[in-house]
Amino acid sequence: ADLAGRARTLGVDDADVEDTDAADDDTYAADDDTYADDALVALAVTGRVDFVVTNDRPLTERVLDADTPVICLRGRNTLAITEP
């Protein structure tokens, strides 16, 4: 199933997640990171997740702006929680 279909299963509004078919779009791979980030931010905005786990700085900032804590790896074996 596609990401938008899975997001609908979780109750995320279609307006928050674009429905794109990778087989029909040659530029899909270039936008793949943003597409996944948008889905995670949509889940954070709706309050469907307690935390988002990522080391991606732009995604971290977007999730924190949505008032959702972020768990990330600090060093080789330490997890850190960043509160909004």
N, C-alpha and C. Protein backbone atom coordinates (compact mmCIF):
# COMPACT_ATOMS: atom_id res chain seq x y z
N ALA A 1 0.84 -1.19 0.00
CA ALA A 1 0.00 0.00 0.00
C ALA A 1 0.88 1.24 0.00
N ASP A 2 0.36 2.32 -0.54
CA ASP A 2 1.12 3.56 -0.59
C ASP A 2 1.06 4.28 0.76
N LEU A 3 1.93 5.27 0.92
CA LEU A 3 2.04 5.99 2.18
C LEU A 3 0.75 6.72 2.53
N ALA A 4 0.12 7.33 1.54
CA ALA A 4 -1.14 8.04 1.80
C ALA A 4 -2.22 7.09 2.29
N GLY A 5 -2.26 5.88 1.72
CA GLY A 5 -3.23 4.88 2.16
C GLY A 5 -2.98 4.46 3.60
N ARG A 6 -1.72 4.28 3.95
CA ARG A 6 -1.38 3.92 5.33
C ARG A 6 -1.71 5.07 6.28
N ALA A 7 -1.47 6.30 5.84
CA ALA A 7 -1.79 7.45 6.68
C ALA A 7 -3.29 7.55 6.92
N ARG A 8 -4.09 7.25 5.88
CA ARG A 8 -5.55 7.27 6.06
C ARG A 8 -5.96 6.23 7.09
N THR A 9 -5.28 5.09 7.12
CA THR A 9 -5.57 4.05 8.10
C THR A 9 -5.34 4.59 9.51
N LEU A 10 -4.35 5.47 9.67
CA LEU A 10 -4.05 6.06 10.97
C LEU A 10 -4.94 7.26 11.28
N GLY A 11 -5.75 7.68 10.31
CA GLY A 11 -6.67 8.78 10.54
C GLY A 11 -6.12 10.14 10.17
N VAL A 12 -5.05 10.20 9.35
CA VAL A 12 -4.50 11.47 8.92
C VAL A 12 -5.29 11.95 7.71
N ASP A 13 -5.65 13.22 7.71
CA ASP A 13 -6.43 13.82 6.62
C ASP A 13 -5.66 13.78 5.31
N ASP A 14 -6.36 13.53 4.20
CA ASP A 14 -5.73 13.49 2.88
C ASP A 14 -5.05 14.80 2.54
N ALA A 15 -5.51 15.91 3.07
CA ALA A 15 -4.89 17.19 2.77
C ALA A 15 -3.48 17.26 3.34
N ASP A 16 -3.20 16.47 4.38
CA ASP A 16 -1.88 16.48 5.00
C ASP A 16 -0.89 15.57 4.29
N VAL A 17 -1.37 14.59 3.52
CA VAL A 17 -0.49 13.63 2.85
C VAL A 17 -0.91 13.53 1.40
N GLU A 18 0.01 13.86 0.51
CA GLU A 18 -0.28 13.81 -0.92
C GLU A 18 -0.25 12.37 -1.39
N ASP A 19 -1.24 11.97 -2.20
CA ASP A 19 -1.32 10.62 -2.75
C ASP A 19 -0.59 10.59 -4.08
N THR A 20 0.60 9.95 -4.12
CA THR A 20 1.43 9.91 -5.31
C THR A 20 1.78 8.47 -5.62
N ASP A 21 1.70 8.09 -6.89
CA ASP A 21 2.09 6.75 -7.32
C ASP A 21 3.49 6.81 -7.88
N ALA A 22 4.45 6.14 -7.24
CA ALA A 22 5.85 6.19 -7.63
C ALA A 22 6.07 5.68 -9.05
N ALA A 23 5.30 4.73 -9.51
CA ALA A 23 5.49 4.16 -10.84
C ALA A 23 5.13 5.15 -11.93
N ASP A 24 4.27 6.11 -11.66
CA ASP A 24 3.82 7.07 -12.66
C ASP A 24 4.62 8.36 -12.65
N ASP A 25 5.52 8.55 -11.71
CA ASP A 25 6.20 9.83 -11.55
C ASP A 25 7.70 9.62 -11.50
N ASP A 26 8.42 10.07 -12.53
CA ASP A 26 9.87 9.90 -12.58
C ASP A 26 10.58 10.75 -11.54
N THR A 27 9.97 11.82 -11.06
CA THR A 27 10.61 12.68 -10.07
C THR A 27 10.30 12.24 -8.64
N TYR A 28 9.59 11.16 -8.48
CA TYR A 28 9.17 10.71 -7.15
C TYR A 28 10.35 10.47 -6.23
N ALA A 29 11.41 9.83 -6.73
CA ALA A 29 12.56 9.51 -5.89
C ALA A 29 13.21 10.77 -5.33
N ALA A 30 13.25 11.84 -6.11
CA ALA A 30 13.85 13.08 -5.65
C ALA A 30 13.05 13.70 -4.51
N ASP A 31 11.75 13.51 -4.52
CA ASP A 31 10.88 14.08 -3.50
C ASP A 31 10.56 13.09 -2.38
N ASP A 32 11.15 11.92 -2.43
CA ASP A 32 10.82 10.85 -1.50
C ASP A 32 11.04 11.27 -0.04
N ASP A 33 12.16 11.93 0.27
CA ASP A 33 12.44 12.34 1.64
C ASP A 33 11.40 13.33 2.14
N THR A 34 11.07 14.31 1.33
CA THR A 34 10.08 15.31 1.71
C THR A 34 8.71 14.67 1.91
N TYR A 35 8.37 13.74 1.05
CA TYR A 35 7.08 13.05 1.12
C TYR A 35 6.94 12.32 2.46
N ALA A 36 7.97 11.59 2.85
CA ALA A 36 7.94 10.88 4.12
C ALA A 36 7.93 11.86 5.29
N ASP A 37 8.72 12.93 5.18
CA ASP A 37 8.75 13.94 6.23
C ASP A 37 7.37 14.56 6.42
N ASP A 38 6.70 14.86 5.30
CA ASP A 38 5.37 15.46 5.37
C ASP A 38 4.40 14.53 6.10
N ALA A 39 4.50 13.24 5.86
CA ALA A 39 3.62 12.27 6.53
C ALA A 39 3.90 12.24 8.03
N LEU A 40 5.18 12.27 8.42
CA LEU A 40 5.52 12.27 9.84
C LEU A 40 5.05 13.56 10.52
N VAL A 41 5.21 14.68 9.86
CA VAL A 41 4.75 15.95 10.43
C VAL A 41 3.23 15.95 10.55
N ALA A 42 2.55 15.39 9.57
CA ALA A 42 1.08 15.31 9.63
C ALA A 42 0.64 14.48 10.83
N LEU A 43 1.33 13.39 11.10
CA LEU A 43 1.00 12.57 12.27
C LEU A 43 1.27 13.34 13.56
N ALA A 44 2.36 14.10 13.57
CA ALA A 44 2.68 14.90 14.76
C ALA A 44 1.64 15.99 14.99
N VAL A 45 1.22 16.65 13.93
CA VAL A 45 0.23 17.74 14.04
C VAL A 45 -1.10 17.22 14.57
N THR A 46 -1.50 16.02 14.13
CA THR A 46 -2.78 15.47 14.56
C THR A 46 -2.72 14.85 15.95
N GLY A 47 -1.52 14.75 16.52
CA GLY A 47 -1.37 14.17 17.85
C GLY A 47 -1.45 12.66 17.87
N ARG A 48 -1.30 12.03 16.72
CA ARG A 48 -1.40 10.57 16.63
C ARG A 48 -0.13 9.86 17.09
N VAL A 49 0.95 10.60 17.32
CA VAL A 49 2.19 10.01 17.79
C VAL A 49 2.65 10.76 19.04
N ASP A 50 3.32 10.05 19.94
CA ASP A 50 3.85 10.69 21.14
C ASP A 50 5.23 11.28 20.90
N PHE A 51 6.01 10.65 20.02
CA PHE A 51 7.36 11.07 19.67
C PHE A 51 7.60 10.80 18.20
N VAL A 52 8.58 11.49 17.62
CA VAL A 52 9.11 11.14 16.31
C VAL A 52 10.59 10.89 16.52
N VAL A 53 11.10 9.81 15.95
CA VAL A 53 12.51 9.45 16.09
C VAL A 53 13.22 9.76 14.78
N THR A 54 14.18 10.69 14.83
CA THR A 54 14.93 11.08 13.64
C THR A 54 16.22 11.79 14.02
N ASN A 55 17.19 11.76 13.12
CA ASN A 55 18.41 12.56 13.25
C ASN A 55 18.43 13.67 12.21
N ASP A 56 17.37 13.79 11.43
CA ASP A 56 17.29 14.79 10.37
C ASP A 56 16.93 16.15 10.97
N ARG A 57 17.82 17.12 10.86
CA ARG A 57 17.62 18.43 11.49
C ARG A 57 16.39 19.18 10.96
N PRO A 58 16.18 19.28 9.63
CA PRO A 58 14.98 19.99 9.17
C PRO A 58 13.68 19.32 9.64
N LEU A 59 13.65 17.99 9.65
CA LEU A 59 12.47 17.29 10.13
C LEU A 59 12.29 17.53 11.62
N THR A 60 13.37 17.51 12.37
CA THR A 60 13.31 17.77 13.81
C THR A 60 12.66 19.12 14.08
N GLU A 61 13.08 20.14 13.35
CA GLU A 61 12.53 21.48 13.55
C GLU A 61 11.04 21.52 13.23
N ARG A 62 10.62 20.86 12.15
CA ARG A 62 9.20 20.84 11.78
C ARG A 62 8.35 20.12 12.82
N VAL A 63 8.87 19.00 13.34
CA VAL A 63 8.14 18.23 14.34
C VAL A 63 8.05 19.01 15.65
N LEU A 64 9.13 19.65 16.05
CA LEU A 64 9.10 20.46 17.26
C LEU A 64 8.13 21.63 17.12
N ASP A 65 8.04 22.21 15.92
CA ASP A 65 7.06 23.27 15.66
C ASP A 65 5.63 22.76 15.80
N ALA A 66 5.44 21.44 15.61
CA ALA A 66 4.12 20.82 15.77
C ALA A 66 3.88 20.38 17.22
N ASP A 67 4.74 20.82 18.13
CA ASP A 67 4.63 20.52 19.57
C ASP A 67 4.69 19.03 19.88
N THR A 68 5.56 18.31 19.15
CA THR A 68 5.77 16.89 19.39
C THR A 68 7.24 16.67 19.71
N PRO A 69 7.57 15.97 20.80
CA PRO A 69 8.96 15.71 21.13
C PRO A 69 9.66 14.84 20.09
N VAL A 70 10.98 15.01 19.99
CA VAL A 70 11.79 14.26 19.04
C VAL A 70 12.84 13.47 19.80
N ILE A 71 13.00 12.20 19.44
CA ILE A 71 14.06 11.36 19.98
C ILE A 71 15.12 11.25 18.89
N CYS A 72 16.38 11.50 19.26
CA CYS A 72 17.46 11.38 18.28
C CYS A 72 18.68 10.75 18.94
N LEU A 73 19.57 10.25 18.10
CA LEU A 73 20.79 9.60 18.56
C LEU A 73 21.85 10.65 18.83
N ARG A 74 22.42 10.62 20.01
CA ARG A 74 23.54 11.50 20.37
C ARG A 74 24.74 10.60 20.64
N GLY A 75 25.77 10.75 19.87
CA GLY A 75 26.92 9.88 20.02
C GLY A 75 26.63 8.52 19.42
N ARG A 76 27.33 7.52 19.89
CA ARG A 76 27.18 6.18 19.31
C ARG A 76 26.03 5.39 19.91
N ASN A 77 25.72 5.63 21.18
CA ASN A 77 24.72 4.78 21.83
C ASN A 77 23.85 5.51 22.85
N THR A 78 23.63 6.79 22.65
CA THR A 78 22.82 7.56 23.58
C THR A 78 21.65 8.19 22.84
N LEU A 79 20.45 7.97 23.35
CA LEU A 79 19.26 8.60 22.79
C LEU A 79 18.93 9.84 23.61
N ALA A 80 18.55 10.90 22.93
CA ALA A 80 18.19 12.14 23.60
C ALA A 80 16.78 12.54 23.17
N ILE A 81 16.01 13.05 24.11
CA ILE A 81 14.67 13.56 23.82
C ILE A 81 14.73 15.08 23.83
N THR A 82 14.28 15.68 22.72
CA THR A 82 14.19 17.13 22.62
C THR A 82 12.73 17.52 22.71
N GLU A 83 12.41 18.31 23.71
CA GLU A 83 11.03 18.76 23.93
C GLU A 83 10.77 20.02 23.12
N PRO A 84 9.53 20.21 22.66
CA PRO A 84 9.20 21.44 21.90
C PRO A 84 9.26 22.68 22.78
